[in-house]
């Protein structure tokens, strides 16, 4: 059940679910003017767009200065969600300085499931992912990078694995592993070195922590401690919260246009600091327990 105090929005779908839990004859909650969402807000748009149907999956894509890649990527995602009863695509523009916002707005008329959220300034990939997840209406969220290197055709496979997992196993996330990297040699070498170091320090068995293609339960993500760059440590953080993680090989493609926002030195410096931080978080965790109201 979605926590009301942590959600960025509560759709009217959520209100319907609450009524169902109380019974079919429960009276509807009183609606006052102060409860009505304002036009132009994420809450209003979500309620308006999803008035009669619960969203089955939300695909969140963080982007910055990816004007040349986002249109074909959005169309590929829409095609990958064709079998979903009700899917949504949430692009989060993280302070782009090119025509990315305008391109995304123009795509909304072509792709009805597309939502566009914009940061007023650049805050980084982890914050953009968090913004998108908090705004999502689906209980299952898929993330992928906005440069087009992750293949949206792999989305149904990740969803199938997550949905068919035994509930007793408490699988919180299915994460992609780029079997054949389509990056240059120096980036592959740096990534391999970083993954070995993280895996040894954190014991999370992650061989490709940098793969952006993931499917996870929204409530599991919202249970994780947040910090900038946390998207590279989601496997370790999921395990910390006693969720299980599944790994699956996925396709990886060359970048279409534009350039990467990171270099190898930046990754090494930030990665070292954050790895020690996550190890500290692991040591300061007392486990989970069932909580109930008496």
Protein backbone atom coordinates (compact mmCIF):
# COMPACT_ATOMS: atom_id res chain seq x y z
CA UNK A 1 0.00 0.00 0.00
CA UNK A 2 1.41 3.37 -0.98
CA UNK A 3 2.54 5.53 1.91
CA UNK A 4 0.75 8.86 1.80
CA UNK A 5 3.52 10.71 3.60
CA UNK A 6 6.25 9.85 1.11
CA UNK A 7 4.38 9.98 -2.19
CA UNK A 8 4.77 13.09 -4.32
CA UNK A 9 1.23 12.61 -5.49
CA UNK A 10 -1.84 10.54 -4.75
CA UNK A 11 -3.85 9.82 -7.85
CA UNK A 12 -7.58 9.30 -7.83
CA UNK A 13 -6.78 5.71 -8.65
CA UNK A 14 -5.23 5.57 -5.20
CA UNK A 15 -8.47 6.87 -3.71
CA UNK A 16 -10.43 4.14 -5.47
CA UNK A 17 -8.07 1.52 -4.06
CA UNK A 18 -8.59 2.91 -0.57
CA UNK A 19 -12.37 2.64 -0.94
CA UNK A 20 -12.10 -0.93 -2.19
CA UNK A 21 -10.12 -1.87 0.89
CA UNK A 22 -12.92 -0.52 3.11
CA UNK A 23 -15.61 -2.45 1.26
CA UNK A 24 -17.85 -1.87 -1.74
CA UNK A 25 -20.46 0.04 0.28
CA UNK A 26 -18.10 2.40 2.05
CA UNK A 27 -19.06 6.04 1.52
CA UNK A 28 -16.75 8.10 -0.68
CA UNK A 29 -14.44 10.48 1.16
CA UNK A 30 -15.67 14.02 1.42
CA UNK A 31 -13.96 16.22 -1.13
CA UNK A 32 -13.34 19.81 -0.21
CA UNK A 33 -11.92 22.66 -2.25
CA UNK A 34 -8.66 22.37 -0.33
CA UNK A 35 -8.35 18.74 -1.45
CA UNK A 36 -8.82 19.49 -5.13
CA UNK A 37 -5.53 19.41 -7.06
CA UNK A 38 -4.58 22.56 -8.88
CA UNK A 39 -4.43 22.56 -12.66
CA UNK A 40 -0.91 22.25 -14.01
CA UNK A 41 0.38 20.22 -11.07
CA UNK A 42 1.61 16.64 -11.28
CA UNK A 43 -1.28 15.63 -9.03
CA UNK A 44 -3.92 17.14 -11.30
CA UNK A 45 -2.43 15.67 -14.46
CA UNK A 46 -2.15 12.22 -12.89
CA UNK A 47 -5.73 12.26 -11.61
CA UNK A 48 -7.10 13.55 -14.90
CA UNK A 49 -5.17 11.13 -17.06
CA UNK A 50 -5.78 8.01 -14.97
CA UNK A 51 -9.30 8.59 -13.70
CA UNK A 52 -10.66 5.18 -14.70
CA UNK A 53 -7.68 2.82 -14.88
CA UNK A 54 -4.77 1.98 -12.62
CA UNK A 55 -1.35 2.33 -14.24
CA UNK A 56 0.33 -1.08 -14.50
CA UNK A 57 3.89 0.12 -15.06
CA UNK A 58 5.75 3.43 -15.16
CA UNK A 59 8.89 3.84 -17.26
CA UNK A 60 11.13 6.60 -15.90
CA UNK A 61 13.83 8.11 -18.12
CA UNK A 62 16.22 10.77 -16.74
CA UNK A 63 17.64 13.00 -19.48
CA UNK A 64 19.96 15.97 -19.86
CA UNK A 65 20.85 17.45 -23.25
CA UNK A 66 19.63 14.41 -25.21
CA UNK A 67 17.57 16.20 -27.86
CA UNK A 68 18.88 13.94 -30.63
CA UNK A 69 18.06 10.68 -28.83
CA UNK A 70 14.77 11.12 -27.02
CA UNK A 71 12.25 10.96 -29.88
CA UNK A 72 13.27 7.51 -31.19
CA UNK A 73 13.75 6.31 -27.62
CA UNK A 74 10.26 7.41 -26.55
CA UNK A 75 8.73 5.65 -29.55
CA UNK A 76 10.64 2.46 -28.76
CA UNK A 77 9.45 2.56 -25.16
CA UNK A 78 5.85 3.05 -26.30
CA UNK A 79 6.20 0.01 -28.60
CA UNK A 80 7.66 -2.05 -25.74
CA UNK A 81 4.63 -1.17 -23.57
CA UNK A 82 2.10 -2.06 -26.28
CA UNK A 83 0.96 -5.18 -24.40
CA UNK A 84 0.51 -3.34 -21.10
CA UNK A 85 -3.11 -2.55 -20.15
CA UNK A 86 -2.07 0.89 -18.91
CA UNK A 87 1.55 2.02 -19.00
CA UNK A 88 3.01 5.47 -18.67
CA UNK A 89 6.32 6.98 -19.76
CA UNK A 90 7.85 9.63 -17.49
CA UNK A 91 10.75 11.63 -18.89
CA UNK A 92 12.51 13.81 -16.32
CA UNK A 93 14.49 16.64 -17.87
CA UNK A 94 17.35 17.43 -15.51
CA UNK A 95 18.05 21.04 -16.43
CA UNK A 96 18.88 20.61 -20.12
CA UNK A 97 20.40 23.53 -21.98
CA UNK A 98 19.47 22.25 -25.47
CA UNK A 99 16.07 21.61 -27.08
CA UNK A 100 15.33 18.49 -25.01
CA UNK A 101 12.32 20.04 -23.16
CA UNK A 102 10.75 21.36 -26.36
CA UNK A 103 11.25 18.04 -28.14
CA UNK A 104 9.61 16.14 -25.29
CA UNK A 105 6.64 18.53 -25.16
CA UNK A 106 6.11 18.10 -28.89
CA UNK A 107 6.10 14.30 -28.49
CA UNK A 108 3.19 14.39 -26.02
CA UNK A 109 0.67 14.79 -28.82
CA UNK A 110 2.10 11.73 -30.57
CA UNK A 111 2.47 9.53 -27.46
CA UNK A 112 -0.51 9.96 -25.09
CA UNK A 113 1.19 7.95 -22.32
CA UNK A 114 4.10 10.41 -22.19
CA UNK A 115 4.55 12.71 -19.21
CA UNK A 116 7.33 15.29 -18.99
CA UNK A 117 8.74 16.64 -15.72
CA UNK A 118 11.41 19.34 -15.66
CA UNK A 119 13.94 20.24 -13.00
CA UNK A 120 14.55 23.97 -12.77
CA UNK A 121 18.30 23.23 -12.66
CA UNK A 122 20.62 20.27 -13.06
CA UNK A 123 20.62 18.04 -9.96
CA UNK A 124 22.06 14.79 -11.30
CA UNK A 125 20.80 11.43 -12.52
CA UNK A 126 19.87 10.00 -9.13
CA UNK A 127 17.71 12.99 -8.26
CA UNK A 128 16.02 12.84 -11.67
CA UNK A 129 15.25 9.15 -11.16
CA UNK A 130 13.88 9.85 -7.68
CA UNK A 131 11.69 12.67 -9.02
CA UNK A 132 10.32 10.36 -11.70
CA UNK A 133 9.66 7.47 -9.31
CA UNK A 134 7.87 9.72 -6.81
CA UNK A 135 5.69 11.10 -9.61
CA UNK A 136 4.97 7.65 -11.05
CA UNK A 137 1.50 6.15 -10.79
CA UNK A 138 2.51 2.52 -11.30
CA UNK A 139 3.40 0.11 -8.51
CA UNK A 140 6.16 -1.23 -10.78
CA UNK A 141 8.75 1.16 -12.21
CA UNK A 142 11.25 0.60 -15.01
CA UNK A 143 14.23 2.92 -15.47
CA UNK A 144 16.58 3.26 -18.40
CA UNK A 145 19.14 5.80 -19.57
CA UNK A 146 18.14 8.59 -21.94
CA UNK A 147 21.04 8.16 -24.38
CA UNK A 148 19.41 5.24 -26.22
CA UNK A 149 22.05 2.67 -25.27
CA UNK A 150 19.60 0.62 -23.17
CA UNK A 151 17.22 -1.34 -25.41
CA UNK A 152 13.51 -0.80 -24.56
CA UNK A 153 12.74 -4.16 -26.21
CA UNK A 154 14.16 -5.77 -23.03
CA UNK A 155 11.51 -4.15 -20.81
CA UNK A 156 8.87 -6.94 -21.13
CA UNK A 157 11.48 -9.55 -20.12
CA UNK A 158 12.36 -7.68 -16.91
CA UNK A 159 8.69 -7.16 -16.08
CA UNK A 160 7.93 -10.85 -16.58
CA UNK A 161 10.71 -11.92 -14.21
CA UNK A 162 9.63 -9.46 -11.54
CA UNK A 163 5.94 -10.29 -11.78
CA UNK A 164 6.42 -14.05 -11.81
CA UNK A 165 8.75 -14.10 -8.80
CA UNK A 166 7.47 -16.01 -5.77
CA UNK A 167 6.05 -13.42 -3.33
CA UNK A 168 7.72 -15.29 -0.48
CA UNK A 169 11.11 -14.48 -2.03
CA UNK A 170 10.43 -10.73 -1.76
CA UNK A 171 12.09 -9.83 -5.06
CA UNK A 172 12.31 -6.06 -5.11
CA UNK A 173 14.26 -5.50 -8.31
CA UNK A 174 15.37 -7.08 -11.57
CA UNK A 175 18.46 -5.38 -12.95
CA UNK A 176 20.02 -5.63 -16.38
CA UNK A 177 23.57 -6.77 -17.03
CA UNK A 178 25.07 -5.50 -20.26
CA UNK A 179 26.40 -8.77 -21.70
CA UNK A 180 28.26 -7.04 -24.56
CA UNK A 181 29.22 -3.44 -23.82
CA UNK A 182 29.07 -1.01 -26.75
CA UNK A 183 31.42 1.52 -25.16
CA UNK A 184 35.06 2.32 -25.85
CA UNK A 185 37.82 0.22 -24.28
CA UNK A 186 38.77 2.74 -21.58
CA UNK A 187 35.20 2.98 -20.32
CA UNK A 188 34.79 -0.80 -20.26
CA UNK A 189 38.06 -1.14 -18.34
CA UNK A 190 37.11 1.55 -15.80
CA UNK A 191 33.66 0.03 -15.33
CA UNK A 192 35.07 -3.46 -14.81
CA UNK A 193 37.54 -2.21 -12.22
CA UNK A 194 34.87 -0.23 -10.36
CA UNK A 195 32.45 -3.15 -10.33
CA UNK A 196 35.04 -5.51 -8.91
CA UNK A 197 35.92 -3.02 -6.17
CA UNK A 198 32.28 -2.38 -5.25
CA UNK A 199 31.41 -6.06 -5.28
CA UNK A 200 34.31 -6.89 -2.97
CA UNK A 201 33.49 -4.04 -0.58
CA UNK A 202 29.70 -4.41 -0.53
CA UNK A 203 29.24 -8.14 -1.22
CA UNK A 204 26.22 -7.44 -3.42
CA UNK A 205 27.13 -9.78 -6.33
CA UNK A 206 26.49 -6.95 -8.82
CA UNK A 207 28.64 -7.32 -11.92
CA UNK A 208 27.24 -4.27 -13.75
CA UNK A 209 26.05 -1.65 -11.28
CA UNK A 210 26.09 1.02 -13.99
CA UNK A 211 23.39 -0.53 -16.18
CA UNK A 212 20.45 1.89 -16.19
CA UNK A 213 17.85 -0.71 -17.22
CA UNK A 214 16.06 -1.89 -14.08
CA UNK A 215 12.56 -2.95 -13.06
CA UNK A 216 11.60 -2.60 -9.42
CA UNK A 217 8.70 -2.20 -7.05
CA UNK A 218 8.00 1.44 -6.31
CA UNK A 219 7.54 0.83 -2.60
CA UNK A 220 10.93 -0.91 -2.46
CA UNK A 221 12.67 2.08 -4.07
CA UNK A 222 11.02 4.53 -1.69
CA UNK A 223 12.31 2.47 1.25
CA UNK A 224 15.93 3.05 0.17
CA UNK A 225 18.09 5.79 1.72
CA UNK A 226 18.61 8.56 -0.81
CA UNK A 227 21.87 10.28 -1.72
CA UNK A 228 23.25 11.67 -4.97
CA UNK A 229 24.67 8.89 -7.18
CA UNK A 230 22.66 6.26 -5.29
CA UNK A 231 21.38 4.82 -8.59
CA UNK A 232 24.74 3.02 -8.97
CA UNK A 233 24.26 1.26 -5.63
CA UNK A 234 20.67 0.13 -5.89
CA UNK A 235 21.51 -3.57 -5.68
CA UNK A 236 23.39 -3.14 -2.40
CA UNK A 237 20.68 -0.85 -1.03
CA UNK A 238 17.89 -3.28 -1.99
CA UNK A 239 19.72 -6.11 -0.26
CA UNK A 240 20.18 -3.89 2.79
CA UNK A 241 16.39 -3.54 3.04
CA UNK A 242 16.10 -7.36 2.74
CA UNK A 243 14.74 -7.34 -0.81
CA UNK A 244 16.11 -9.90 -3.25
CA UNK A 245 17.56 -8.86 -6.60
CA UNK A 246 17.55 -10.79 -9.86
CA UNK A 247 20.12 -10.27 -12.65
CA UNK A 248 19.43 -10.76 -16.36
CA UNK A 249 21.54 -10.18 -19.49
CA UNK A 250 20.27 -7.32 -21.64
CA UNK A 251 21.19 -5.72 -24.93
CA UNK A 252 23.46 -2.68 -25.09
CA UNK A 253 23.73 -0.33 -28.06
CA UNK A 254 26.10 2.39 -29.23
CA UNK A 255 25.14 5.92 -28.25
CA UNK A 256 23.10 7.62 -30.96
CA UNK A 257 24.09 11.29 -30.73
CA UNK A 258 25.63 13.56 -28.11
CA UNK A 259 28.26 12.76 -25.52
CA UNK A 260 28.40 11.13 -22.09
CA UNK A 261 27.97 13.45 -19.10
CA UNK A 262 30.72 11.67 -17.12
CA UNK A 263 34.39 10.88 -17.54
CA UNK A 264 36.37 8.01 -16.05
CA UNK A 265 38.17 10.14 -13.44
CA UNK A 266 34.88 11.55 -12.14
CA UNK A 267 33.45 8.06 -11.85
CA UNK A 268 36.47 6.77 -9.94
CA UNK A 269 36.57 9.60 -7.40
CA UNK A 270 32.83 9.67 -6.72
CA UNK A 271 32.60 5.88 -6.79
CA UNK A 272 35.28 5.44 -4.13
CA UNK A 273 33.67 7.91 -1.75
CA UNK A 274 30.17 6.53 -2.26
CA UNK A 275 31.25 2.91 -1.86
CA UNK A 276 32.61 3.61 1.60
CA UNK A 277 29.42 5.52 2.38
CA UNK A 278 27.22 2.58 1.36
CA UNK A 279 29.36 0.22 3.39
CA UNK A 280 28.75 2.48 6.39
CA UNK A 281 25.00 2.35 5.68
CA UNK A 282 25.17 -1.44 5.63
CA UNK A 283 26.87 -1.45 9.04
CA UNK A 284 24.25 0.90 10.53
CA UNK A 285 21.21 -1.22 9.65
CA UNK A 286 19.35 -3.24 12.30
CA UNK A 287 17.16 -5.23 9.93
CA UNK A 288 13.46 -5.19 9.09
CA UNK A 289 10.41 -6.27 11.04
CA UNK A 290 6.67 -6.39 10.64
CA UNK A 291 4.90 -3.28 11.86
CA UNK A 292 1.22 -3.18 12.72
CA UNK A 293 -1.13 -0.73 14.36
CA UNK A 294 -2.62 -1.86 17.67
